[in-house]
């Protein structure tokens, strides 16, 4: 049996060989399918670091990950990925502001928006990923349109991959 996983917030989002486990997995007698035709947007802080030399408790950096995906028609993959990115950016900006505000009074967040997704599918990748990860026959199509701010593979967070990437949120005291 082949194995593939789309891991979202620590939850495996497909069924192995038709084995149904709770409501996370779909049922299939002969193939592996993702449990969902789409997911997201999901936004969370995946890594944070204190900035040395700051005694206010505010100065820090964070990595705000945001993910959205959908199994759909092959036409429009690029447009869907860009739509996902545009939906994820304000949510990530808000999460950055919330994270920094939680660090102390007067602490504000500055979010550095990427010009493209850290991991995204183009048409060829969308078709291959849809097949490999198991877009279900009842979804809108077989192509996996995928956008995440950080490249963590097809996961929300992979500490080893994300560790090598720069923070996109900087906390500092407002002036």
Protein backbone atom coordinates (compact mmCIF):
# COMPACT_ATOMS: atom_id res chain seq x y z
CA UNK A 1 0.00 0.00 0.00
CA UNK A 2 1.37 3.43 -0.90
CA UNK A 3 1.52 6.05 1.81
CA UNK A 4 1.30 9.81 1.62
CA UNK A 5 0.21 12.36 4.15
CA UNK A 6 -1.10 15.85 4.21
CA UNK A 7 -0.61 16.81 7.83
CA UNK A 8 -2.57 19.78 9.05
CA UNK A 9 -2.21 20.97 12.64
CA UNK A 10 -0.87 17.56 13.58
CA UNK A 11 -3.89 15.77 12.08
CA UNK A 12 -3.39 13.41 9.16
CA UNK A 13 -5.89 14.48 6.52
CA UNK A 14 -6.26 11.30 4.47
CA UNK A 15 -7.23 7.69 4.98
CA UNK A 16 -4.90 4.75 4.63
CA UNK A 17 -6.28 2.06 2.34
CA UNK A 18 -9.90 2.63 3.27
CA UNK A 19 -9.45 2.34 7.02
CA UNK A 20 -11.80 4.83 8.60
CA UNK A 21 -10.69 6.32 11.91
CA UNK A 22 -13.09 8.75 13.50
CA UNK A 23 -14.27 11.66 11.40
CA UNK A 24 -10.77 12.67 10.28
CA UNK A 25 -10.58 9.98 7.63
CA UNK A 26 -12.72 9.26 4.63
CA UNK A 27 -13.87 5.76 3.74
CA UNK A 28 -12.66 4.07 0.61
CA UNK A 29 -12.54 0.41 -0.17
CA UNK A 30 -9.65 0.45 -2.59
CA UNK A 31 -7.80 3.78 -2.58
CA UNK A 32 -6.37 6.41 -0.29
CA UNK A 33 -8.13 9.74 -0.22
CA UNK A 34 -7.82 12.93 1.75
CA UNK A 35 -10.62 13.39 4.24
CA UNK A 36 -11.32 16.92 3.01
CA UNK A 37 -11.64 18.54 -0.40
CA UNK A 38 -10.27 21.78 1.01
CA UNK A 39 -8.71 23.18 4.14
CA UNK A 40 -8.14 26.59 5.59
CA UNK A 41 -7.33 29.19 5.97
CA UNK A 42 -5.36 28.08 9.04
CA UNK A 43 -2.97 30.55 10.68
CA UNK A 44 -0.68 29.99 13.67
CA UNK A 45 2.62 30.97 15.25
CA UNK A 46 4.99 28.08 14.53
CA UNK A 47 8.20 29.49 16.02
CA UNK A 48 9.14 32.46 18.18
CA UNK A 49 12.42 33.81 19.52
CA UNK A 50 13.33 36.47 22.06
CA UNK A 51 15.64 39.20 20.82
CA UNK A 52 18.69 39.45 23.05
CA UNK A 53 19.47 42.62 24.94
CA UNK A 54 15.83 43.65 25.36
CA UNK A 55 14.65 44.13 28.92
CA UNK A 56 11.13 45.29 28.02
CA UNK A 57 10.02 41.75 27.20
CA UNK A 58 8.62 42.95 23.90
CA UNK A 59 11.41 42.50 21.38
CA UNK A 60 10.99 39.19 19.61
CA UNK A 61 10.53 37.60 16.24
CA UNK A 62 7.98 35.03 15.19
CA UNK A 63 7.19 32.86 12.23
CA UNK A 64 3.54 33.07 11.33
CA UNK A 65 2.50 30.13 9.18
CA UNK A 66 -0.70 30.21 7.17
CA UNK A 67 -2.04 27.42 4.95
CA UNK A 68 -4.93 26.98 2.56
CA UNK A 69 -5.56 24.25 -0.01
CA UNK A 70 -8.30 22.84 -2.18
CA UNK A 71 -8.79 19.96 -4.59
CA UNK A 72 -10.28 21.52 -7.70
CA UNK A 73 -10.25 21.68 -11.47
CA UNK A 74 -6.91 21.99 -13.18
CA UNK A 75 -8.08 25.20 -14.82
CA UNK A 76 -7.54 28.04 -12.41
CA UNK A 77 -4.84 26.54 -10.17
CA UNK A 78 -2.70 29.68 -10.42
CA UNK A 79 -5.66 31.96 -9.69
CA UNK A 80 -6.72 29.86 -6.68
CA UNK A 81 -3.20 29.86 -5.25
CA UNK A 82 -3.01 33.66 -5.59
CA UNK A 83 -6.48 34.03 -4.04
CA UNK A 84 -5.33 31.86 -1.12
CA UNK A 85 -2.21 34.02 -0.65
CA UNK A 86 -4.32 37.18 -0.64
CA UNK A 87 -6.65 35.64 1.96
CA UNK A 88 -3.79 34.39 4.14
CA UNK A 89 -1.78 37.63 4.33
CA UNK A 90 -4.26 39.76 6.34
CA UNK A 91 -4.90 36.82 8.68
CA UNK A 92 -1.15 36.39 9.23
CA UNK A 93 -0.76 40.16 9.77
CA UNK A 94 -3.51 40.02 12.41
CA UNK A 95 -1.90 37.00 14.09
CA UNK A 96 1.46 38.83 14.18
CA UNK A 97 -0.19 41.86 15.81
CA UNK A 98 -2.01 39.62 18.31
CA UNK A 99 1.15 37.70 19.20
CA UNK A 100 3.19 40.86 19.74
CA UNK A 101 0.43 42.61 21.71
CA UNK A 102 0.34 39.60 24.05
CA UNK A 103 4.00 40.21 24.91
CA UNK A 104 3.30 43.43 26.79
CA UNK A 105 1.80 46.90 26.85
CA UNK A 106 2.80 48.98 23.85
CA UNK A 107 4.25 46.03 22.00
CA UNK A 108 3.31 46.01 18.32
CA UNK A 109 3.93 43.63 15.46
CA UNK A 110 5.36 44.34 12.06
CA UNK A 111 4.47 41.64 9.53
CA UNK A 112 6.62 41.23 6.44
CA UNK A 113 4.33 39.86 3.74
CA UNK A 114 5.92 37.57 1.18
CA UNK A 115 5.38 38.35 -2.51
CA UNK A 116 4.53 34.69 -3.14
CA UNK A 117 3.70 31.57 -1.18
CA UNK A 118 6.59 29.76 0.51
CA UNK A 119 5.15 26.56 -0.96
CA UNK A 120 2.67 26.69 -3.78
CA UNK A 121 1.55 24.43 -6.55
CA UNK A 122 1.63 25.28 -10.22
CA UNK A 123 -0.53 23.30 -12.66
CA UNK A 124 1.87 20.37 -13.06
CA UNK A 125 2.59 20.13 -9.32
CA UNK A 126 -1.13 20.51 -8.50
CA UNK A 127 -2.05 17.51 -10.65
CA UNK A 128 0.83 15.39 -9.29
CA UNK A 129 0.10 16.36 -5.66
CA UNK A 130 -3.62 15.78 -6.12
CA UNK A 131 -2.95 12.29 -7.37
CA UNK A 132 -0.20 11.47 -4.84
CA UNK A 133 -2.08 12.84 -1.82
CA UNK A 134 -5.49 11.61 -2.91
CA UNK A 135 -7.98 14.27 -4.03
CA UNK A 136 -11.32 12.47 -3.69
CA UNK A 137 -13.61 11.84 -6.68
CA UNK A 138 -16.34 13.94 -5.04
CA UNK A 139 -14.11 17.04 -4.85
CA UNK A 140 -14.40 19.78 -7.48
CA UNK A 141 -11.42 18.31 -9.33
CA UNK A 142 -8.16 16.34 -9.14
CA UNK A 143 -5.68 19.23 -8.82
CA UNK A 144 -4.39 20.28 -5.37
CA UNK A 145 -4.13 24.08 -5.29
CA UNK A 146 -1.89 24.78 -2.29
CA UNK A 147 -0.42 27.86 -0.63
CA UNK A 148 1.49 28.16 2.63
CA UNK A 149 3.51 31.16 3.78
CA UNK A 150 6.42 28.94 4.83
CA UNK A 151 7.66 25.95 2.92
CA UNK A 152 7.06 23.14 5.37
CA UNK A 153 6.34 20.51 2.76
CA UNK A 154 2.63 19.72 2.73
CA UNK A 155 2.44 20.28 6.49
CA UNK A 156 1.47 23.26 8.59
CA UNK A 157 4.76 23.07 10.42
CA UNK A 158 7.93 21.11 10.00
CA UNK A 159 10.41 22.53 12.52
CA UNK A 160 13.48 21.44 10.52
CA UNK A 161 12.28 23.14 7.32
CA UNK A 162 10.90 26.25 9.00
CA UNK A 163 14.03 26.76 11.16
CA UNK A 164 16.03 27.62 8.02
CA UNK A 165 13.60 30.37 6.99
CA UNK A 166 13.53 33.98 8.19
CA UNK A 167 10.88 35.26 10.61
CA UNK A 168 8.03 37.22 9.05
CA UNK A 169 6.89 38.96 12.26
CA UNK A 170 8.95 41.39 14.36
CA UNK A 171 7.76 42.66 17.73
CA UNK A 172 8.88 46.02 19.09
CA UNK A 173 7.67 48.75 21.44
CA UNK A 174 5.56 51.37 19.70
CA UNK A 175 7.03 54.84 19.67
